[in-house]
Amino acid sequence: MSAQDTVPLRIVALRADISELGAAIGQLRRAGLDNAAAQLLLARKRAELDGLMRSSTGKAAAPDKPVQPSR
């Protein structure tokens, strides 16, 4: 398997990670707990996904919906 073949797999894995982090942030928010670390990790995963999408397609990817800050 070449490095180019692994990019789509990495994109799928990052999307799954982002989905799980979003759910975890929601659970933490509902429980009234601090979710800043999870939000930071989510932002980093989204940036990594954006970078992979840009490098694999050669153009800008549509940004994900931003996470609302906790209050």
C-alpha atoms as a PDB file:
ATOM      1  CA  MET A   1       0.000   0.000   0.000  1.00  0.00           C
ATOM      2  CA  SER A   2       1.504   3.336  -1.041  1.00  0.00           C
ATOM      3  CA  ALA A   3       1.496   6.533   0.998  1.00  0.00           C
ATOM      4  CA  GLN A   4      -1.081   7.972  -1.395  1.00  0.00           C
ATOM      5  CA  ASP A   5      -3.409   5.034  -0.666  1.00  0.00           C
ATOM      6  CA  THR A   6      -3.251   5.676   3.069  1.00  0.00           C
ATOM      7  CA  VAL A   7      -4.481   9.298   2.822  1.00  0.00           C
ATOM      8  CA  PRO A   8      -8.158   8.336   2.296  1.00  0.00           C
ATOM      9  CA  LEU A   9      -7.905   5.890   5.199  1.00  0.00           C
ATOM     10  CA  ARG A  10      -6.412   8.598   7.424  1.00  0.00           C
ATOM     11  CA  ILE A  11      -9.224  10.966   6.412  1.00  0.00           C
ATOM     12  CA  VAL A  12     -11.842   8.383   7.388  1.00  0.00           C
ATOM     13  CA  ALA A  13     -10.082   7.774  10.713  1.00  0.00           C
ATOM     14  CA  LEU A  14      -9.891  11.512  11.462  1.00  0.00           C
ATOM     15  CA  ARG A  15     -13.577  11.959  10.662  1.00  0.00           C
ATOM     16  CA  ALA A  16     -14.407   9.137  13.080  1.00  0.00           C
ATOM     17  CA  ASP A  17     -12.198  10.713  15.768  1.00  0.00           C
ATOM     18  CA  ILE A  18     -13.874  14.088  15.230  1.00  0.00           C
ATOM     19  CA  SER A  19     -17.311  12.526  15.543  1.00  0.00           C
ATOM     20  CA  GLU A  20     -16.385  10.752  18.781  1.00  0.00           C
ATOM     21  CA  LEU A  21     -14.845  13.910  20.244  1.00  0.00           C
ATOM     22  CA  GLY A  22     -17.959  15.890  19.363  1.00  0.00           C
ATOM     23  CA  ALA A  23     -20.100  13.362  21.203  1.00  0.00           C
ATOM     24  CA  ALA A  24     -17.746  13.390  24.203  1.00  0.00           C
ATOM     25  CA  ILE A  25     -17.847  17.194  24.338  1.00  0.00           C
ATOM     26  CA  GLY A  26     -21.636  17.066  24.337  1.00  0.00           C
ATOM     27  CA  GLN A  27     -21.642  14.572  27.207  1.00  0.00           C
ATOM     28  CA  LEU A  28     -19.181  16.655  29.213  1.00  0.00           C
ATOM     29  CA  ARG A  29     -21.223  19.797  28.585  1.00  0.00           C
ATOM     30  CA  ARG A  30     -24.458  18.092  29.676  1.00  0.00           C
ATOM     31  CA  ALA A  31     -22.712  16.867  32.839  1.00  0.00           C
ATOM     32  CA  GLY A  32     -21.504  20.394  33.566  1.00  0.00           C
ATOM     33  CA  LEU A  33     -17.848  19.372  33.349  1.00  0.00           C
ATOM     34  CA  ASP A  34     -14.903  21.176  31.784  1.00  0.00           C
ATOM     35  CA  ASN A  35     -14.464  20.239  28.134  1.00  0.00           C
ATOM     36  CA  ALA A  36     -11.662  22.632  27.136  1.00  0.00           C
ATOM     37  CA  ALA A  37      -9.094  19.871  26.553  1.00  0.00           C
ATOM     38  CA  ALA A  38     -11.499  17.925  24.365  1.00  0.00           C
ATOM     39  CA  GLN A  39     -12.326  21.082  22.394  1.00  0.00           C
ATOM     40  CA  LEU A  40      -8.632  21.763  21.843  1.00  0.00           C
ATOM     41  CA  LEU A  41      -8.045  18.213  20.636  1.00  0.00           C
ATOM     42  CA  LEU A  42     -11.083  18.523  18.362  1.00  0.00           C
ATOM     43  CA  ALA A  43      -9.709  21.727  16.847  1.00  0.00           C
ATOM     44  CA  ARG A  44      -6.352  20.036  16.227  1.00  0.00           C
ATOM     45  CA  LYS A  45      -8.007  17.016  14.591  1.00  0.00           C
ATOM     46  CA  ARG A  46     -10.075  19.316  12.365  1.00  0.00           C
ATOM     47  CA  ALA A  47      -6.948  21.225  11.341  1.00  0.00           C
ATOM     48  CA  GLU A  48      -5.182  17.953  10.552  1.00  0.00           C
ATOM     49  CA  LEU A  49      -8.164  16.803   8.490  1.00  0.00           C
ATOM     50  CA  ASP A  50      -8.255  20.123   6.657  1.00  0.00           C
ATOM     51  CA  GLY A  51      -4.545  19.798   5.856  1.00  0.00           C
ATOM     52  CA  LEU A  52      -5.010  16.277   4.527  1.00  0.00           C
ATOM     53  CA  MET A  53      -8.006  17.323   2.460  1.00  0.00           C
ATOM     54  CA  ARG A  54      -6.084  20.248   0.970  1.00  0.00           C
ATOM     55  CA  SER A  55      -3.041  18.132   0.162  1.00  0.00           C
ATOM     56  CA  SER A  56      -5.049  15.290  -1.362  1.00  0.00           C
ATOM     57  CA  THR A  57      -7.317  17.459  -3.530  1.00  0.00           C
ATOM     58  CA  GLY A  58      -5.084  20.441  -4.151  1.00  0.00           C
ATOM     59  CA  LYS A  59      -7.788  22.884  -3.092  1.00  0.00           C
ATOM     60  CA  ALA A  60      -9.405  24.209   0.072  1.00  0.00           C
ATOM     61  CA  ALA A  61     -11.816  21.966   1.899  1.00  0.00           C
ATOM     62  CA  ALA A  62     -15.080  23.256   3.329  1.00  0.00           C
ATOM     63  CA  PRO A  63     -14.658  24.025   7.047  1.00  0.00           C
ATOM     64  CA  ASP A  64     -16.573  22.009   9.612  1.00  0.00           C
ATOM     65  CA  LYS A  65     -19.206  23.619  11.772  1.00  0.00           C
ATOM     66  CA  PRO A  66     -17.347  25.279  14.677  1.00  0.00           C
ATOM     67  CA  VAL A  67     -17.850  23.980  18.196  1.00  0.00           C
ATOM     68  CA  GLN A  68     -19.707  26.437  20.403  1.00  0.00           C
ATOM     69  CA  PRO A  69     -17.607  27.487  23.402  1.00  0.00           C
ATOM     70  CA  SER A  70     -18.770  26.244  26.776  1.00  0.00           C
ATOM     71  CA  ARG A  71     -20.341  28.738  29.114  1.00  0.00           C
END
